[in-house]
Amino acid sequence: MEATERRRVAADRVRAAEDAVAQLKKGLAGVGVTLPSLRVDPVSCAGDEPAPLIDLGRCNIDTALRLCEVLAEKESGHDE
């Protein structure tokens, strides 16, 4: 694979990670959860062949408990 093709593939991977972050933000916002530090991990995008990771970030106790509530509601079927 030549350099131009590698750059295109790398850009596609990063774009896919950015799309995943956008979907996560939208989905979490829909259930009342905001993770301010939700992002694509910049270090994982470095190099010639990036393997982007989604950094869910650190959250405070209230946010963690809200996530637990949402998951419990979903599991019990009360998410409608």
N, C-alpha and C. Protein backbone atom coordinates (compact mmCIF):
# COMPACT_ATOMS: atom_id res chain seq x y z
N MET A 1 0.85 -1.17 0.00
CA MET A 1 0.00 0.00 0.00
C MET A 1 0.90 1.24 0.00
N GLU A 2 0.62 2.16 -0.87
CA GLU A 2 1.45 3.35 -0.95
C GLU A 2 1.05 4.38 0.10
N ALA A 3 1.88 5.39 0.26
CA ALA A 3 1.70 6.37 1.33
C ALA A 3 0.35 7.08 1.25
N THR A 4 -0.08 7.44 0.05
CA THR A 4 -1.36 8.14 -0.10
C THR A 4 -2.51 7.27 0.37
N GLU A 5 -2.47 6.01 0.02
CA GLU A 5 -3.52 5.08 0.43
C GLU A 5 -3.50 4.88 1.95
N ARG A 6 -2.32 4.79 2.54
CA ARG A 6 -2.20 4.63 4.00
C ARG A 6 -2.79 5.83 4.72
N ARG A 7 -2.52 7.03 4.18
CA ARG A 7 -3.08 8.25 4.80
C ARG A 7 -4.60 8.26 4.71
N ARG A 8 -5.14 7.81 3.58
CA ARG A 8 -6.59 7.77 3.41
C ARG A 8 -7.22 6.78 4.39
N VAL A 9 -6.60 5.61 4.53
CA VAL A 9 -7.11 4.60 5.46
C VAL A 9 -7.05 5.13 6.89
N ALA A 10 -5.93 5.78 7.23
CA ALA A 10 -5.76 6.34 8.57
C ALA A 10 -6.83 7.40 8.84
N ALA A 11 -7.06 8.27 7.86
CA ALA A 11 -8.07 9.32 8.02
C ALA A 11 -9.46 8.70 8.18
N ASP A 12 -9.74 7.63 7.45
CA ASP A 12 -11.03 6.94 7.57
C ASP A 12 -11.21 6.36 8.96
N ARG A 13 -10.15 5.80 9.53
CA ARG A 13 -10.24 5.24 10.89
C ARG A 13 -10.54 6.33 11.91
N VAL A 14 -9.86 7.44 11.79
CA VAL A 14 -10.07 8.55 12.73
C VAL A 14 -11.49 9.09 12.57
N ARG A 15 -11.94 9.23 11.33
CA ARG A 15 -13.31 9.71 11.07
C ARG A 15 -14.34 8.77 11.68
N ALA A 16 -14.11 7.46 11.55
CA ALA A 16 -15.04 6.48 12.13
C ALA A 16 -15.08 6.61 13.65
N ALA A 17 -13.93 6.85 14.26
CA ALA A 17 -13.88 7.05 15.72
C ALA A 17 -14.63 8.32 16.10
N GLU A 18 -14.45 9.39 15.33
CA GLU A 18 -15.16 10.64 15.61
C GLU A 18 -16.67 10.45 15.48
N ASP A 19 -17.09 9.67 14.49
CA ASP A 19 -18.52 9.38 14.33
C ASP A 19 -19.05 8.59 15.52
N ALA A 20 -18.26 7.64 16.01
CA ALA A 20 -18.67 6.85 17.17
C ALA A 20 -18.83 7.74 18.40
N VAL A 21 -17.91 8.68 18.58
CA VAL A 21 -18.01 9.62 19.70
C VAL A 21 -19.28 10.44 19.59
N ALA A 22 -19.57 10.92 18.38
CA ALA A 22 -20.78 11.72 18.18
C ALA A 22 -22.03 10.90 18.51
N GLN A 23 -22.06 9.65 18.09
CA GLN A 23 -23.21 8.78 18.39
C GLN A 23 -23.34 8.54 19.88
N LEU A 24 -22.21 8.29 20.54
CA LEU A 24 -22.24 8.08 21.99
C LEU A 24 -22.75 9.32 22.71
N LYS A 25 -22.25 10.49 22.33
CA LYS A 25 -22.70 11.73 22.97
C LYS A 25 -24.20 11.91 22.80
N LYS A 26 -24.69 11.68 21.60
CA LYS A 26 -26.12 11.84 21.33
C LYS A 26 -26.93 10.82 22.14
N GLY A 27 -26.50 9.57 22.13
CA GLY A 27 -27.22 8.54 22.87
C GLY A 27 -27.23 8.78 24.36
N LEU A 28 -26.10 9.16 24.90
CA LEU A 28 -26.02 9.45 26.33
C LEU A 28 -26.85 10.67 26.69
N ALA A 29 -26.81 11.70 25.85
CA ALA A 29 -27.61 12.89 26.11
C ALA A 29 -29.09 12.55 26.11
N GLY A 30 -29.48 11.60 25.27
CA GLY A 30 -30.87 11.20 25.21
C GLY A 30 -31.38 10.55 26.48
N VAL A 31 -30.48 10.06 27.31
CA VAL A 31 -30.89 9.47 28.60
C VAL A 31 -30.41 10.32 29.77
N GLY A 32 -30.04 11.56 29.45
CA GLY A 32 -29.69 12.51 30.51
C GLY A 32 -28.30 12.39 31.07
N VAL A 33 -27.37 11.82 30.31
CA VAL A 33 -26.00 11.68 30.79
C VAL A 33 -25.07 12.46 29.88
N THR A 34 -24.19 13.26 30.49
CA THR A 34 -23.18 14.00 29.75
C THR A 34 -21.81 13.62 30.28
N LEU A 35 -20.95 13.19 29.39
CA LEU A 35 -19.55 12.93 29.74
C LEU A 35 -18.72 14.00 29.05
N PRO A 36 -18.36 15.07 29.75
CA PRO A 36 -17.67 16.19 29.12
C PRO A 36 -16.34 15.80 28.47
N SER A 37 -15.70 14.78 28.96
CA SER A 37 -14.39 14.42 28.42
C SER A 37 -14.46 13.29 27.39
N LEU A 38 -15.64 12.93 26.95
CA LEU A 38 -15.80 11.92 25.91
C LEU A 38 -15.16 12.43 24.63
N ARG A 39 -14.21 11.66 24.09
CA ARG A 39 -13.48 12.12 22.91
C ARG A 39 -12.71 10.96 22.28
N VAL A 40 -12.14 11.24 21.12
CA VAL A 40 -11.20 10.31 20.51
C VAL A 40 -9.87 10.56 21.20
N ASP A 41 -9.23 9.50 21.64
CA ASP A 41 -7.93 9.61 22.30
C ASP A 41 -6.89 10.05 21.28
N PRO A 42 -6.31 11.24 21.43
CA PRO A 42 -5.38 11.74 20.42
C PRO A 42 -4.11 10.90 20.26
N VAL A 43 -3.63 10.33 21.34
CA VAL A 43 -2.40 9.53 21.27
C VAL A 43 -2.61 8.29 20.40
N SER A 44 -3.80 7.70 20.47
CA SER A 44 -4.07 6.50 19.68
C SER A 44 -4.19 6.80 18.19
N CYS A 45 -4.27 8.07 17.84
CA CYS A 45 -4.38 8.48 16.43
C CYS A 45 -3.02 8.84 15.84
N ALA A 46 -1.98 8.73 16.63
CA ALA A 46 -0.64 9.10 16.16
C ALA A 46 -0.03 7.98 15.32
N GLY A 47 0.91 8.33 14.54
CA GLY A 47 1.64 7.35 13.75
C GLY A 47 1.05 7.14 12.37
N ASP A 48 1.70 6.27 11.61
CA ASP A 48 1.29 6.01 10.23
C ASP A 48 0.03 5.16 10.13
N GLU A 49 -0.19 4.30 11.10
CA GLU A 49 -1.37 3.43 11.09
C GLU A 49 -2.10 3.54 12.42
N PRO A 50 -2.86 4.61 12.58
CA PRO A 50 -3.53 4.83 13.87
C PRO A 50 -4.58 3.77 14.17
N ALA A 51 -4.72 3.50 15.44
CA ALA A 51 -5.77 2.60 15.93
C ALA A 51 -6.57 3.41 16.95
N PRO A 52 -7.45 4.30 16.48
CA PRO A 52 -8.15 5.22 17.39
C PRO A 52 -8.93 4.51 18.49
N LEU A 53 -8.80 5.05 19.68
CA LEU A 53 -9.54 4.58 20.84
C LEU A 53 -10.49 5.68 21.29
N ILE A 54 -11.62 5.27 21.84
CA ILE A 54 -12.57 6.23 22.38
C ILE A 54 -12.28 6.38 23.87
N ASP A 55 -11.99 7.60 24.27
CA ASP A 55 -11.70 7.90 25.66
C ASP A 55 -13.01 8.36 26.32
N LEU A 56 -13.56 7.49 27.15
CA LEU A 56 -14.80 7.85 27.84
C LEU A 56 -14.53 8.83 28.97
N GLY A 57 -13.28 8.95 29.33
CA GLY A 57 -12.87 9.98 30.26
C GLY A 57 -13.23 9.73 31.71
N ARG A 58 -12.80 10.66 32.48
CA ARG A 58 -13.09 10.61 33.91
C ARG A 58 -14.41 11.29 34.15
N CYS A 59 -15.16 10.79 35.12
CA CYS A 59 -16.42 11.44 35.46
C CYS A 59 -16.54 11.48 36.98
N ASN A 60 -17.36 12.40 37.44
CA ASN A 60 -17.56 12.51 38.89
C ASN A 60 -18.54 11.43 39.36
N ILE A 61 -18.69 11.35 40.66
CA ILE A 61 -19.54 10.31 41.25
C ILE A 61 -20.99 10.45 40.79
N ASP A 62 -21.49 11.68 40.71
CA ASP A 62 -22.87 11.87 40.27
C ASP A 62 -23.10 11.32 38.86
N THR A 63 -22.16 11.57 37.97
CA THR A 63 -22.29 11.07 36.60
C THR A 63 -22.21 9.55 36.59
N ALA A 64 -21.30 8.99 37.37
CA ALA A 64 -21.18 7.53 37.43
C ALA A 64 -22.47 6.91 37.96
N LEU A 65 -23.06 7.52 38.97
CA LEU A 65 -24.31 7.00 39.51
C LEU A 65 -25.45 7.16 38.51
N ARG A 66 -25.46 8.25 37.76
CA ARG A 66 -26.49 8.43 36.73
C ARG A 66 -26.35 7.36 35.66
N LEU A 67 -25.15 7.04 35.27
CA LEU A 67 -24.92 5.94 34.32
C LEU A 67 -25.46 4.63 34.87
N CYS A 68 -25.20 4.38 36.14
CA CYS A 68 -25.71 3.17 36.79
C CYS A 68 -27.24 3.13 36.75
N GLU A 69 -27.87 4.28 37.03
CA GLU A 69 -29.34 4.36 36.99
C GLU A 69 -29.87 4.04 35.60
N VAL A 70 -29.27 4.64 34.59
CA VAL A 70 -29.72 4.43 33.22
C VAL A 70 -29.56 2.97 32.83
N LEU A 71 -28.45 2.39 33.17
CA LEU A 71 -28.22 0.97 32.85
C LEU A 71 -29.22 0.08 33.57
N ALA A 72 -29.50 0.38 34.84
CA ALA A 72 -30.45 -0.42 35.60
C ALA A 72 -31.85 -0.30 35.01
N GLU A 73 -32.24 0.91 34.60
CA GLU A 73 -33.54 1.11 33.98
C GLU A 73 -33.63 0.32 32.67
N LYS A 74 -32.60 0.36 31.91
CA LYS A 74 -32.55 -0.35 30.63
C LYS A 74 -32.68 -1.86 30.87
N GLU A 75 -31.94 -2.35 31.85
CA GLU A 75 -31.94 -3.78 32.16
C GLU A 75 -33.32 -4.24 32.65
N SER A 76 -33.98 -3.39 33.42
CA SER A 76 -35.28 -3.77 33.98
C SER A 76 -36.43 -3.55 32.99
N GLY A 77 -36.13 -2.91 31.87
CA GLY A 77 -37.16 -2.68 30.87
C GLY A 77 -37.98 -1.43 31.10
N HIS A 78 -37.53 -0.55 32.00
CA HIS A 78 -38.28 0.67 32.31
C HIS A 78 -37.74 1.86 31.53
N ASP A 79 -37.17 1.63 30.39
CA ASP A 79 -36.56 2.72 29.62
C ASP A 79 -37.48 3.28 28.56
N GLU A 80 -38.74 2.91 28.58
CA GLU A 80 -39.66 3.36 27.53
C GLU A 80 -40.39 4.60 27.88
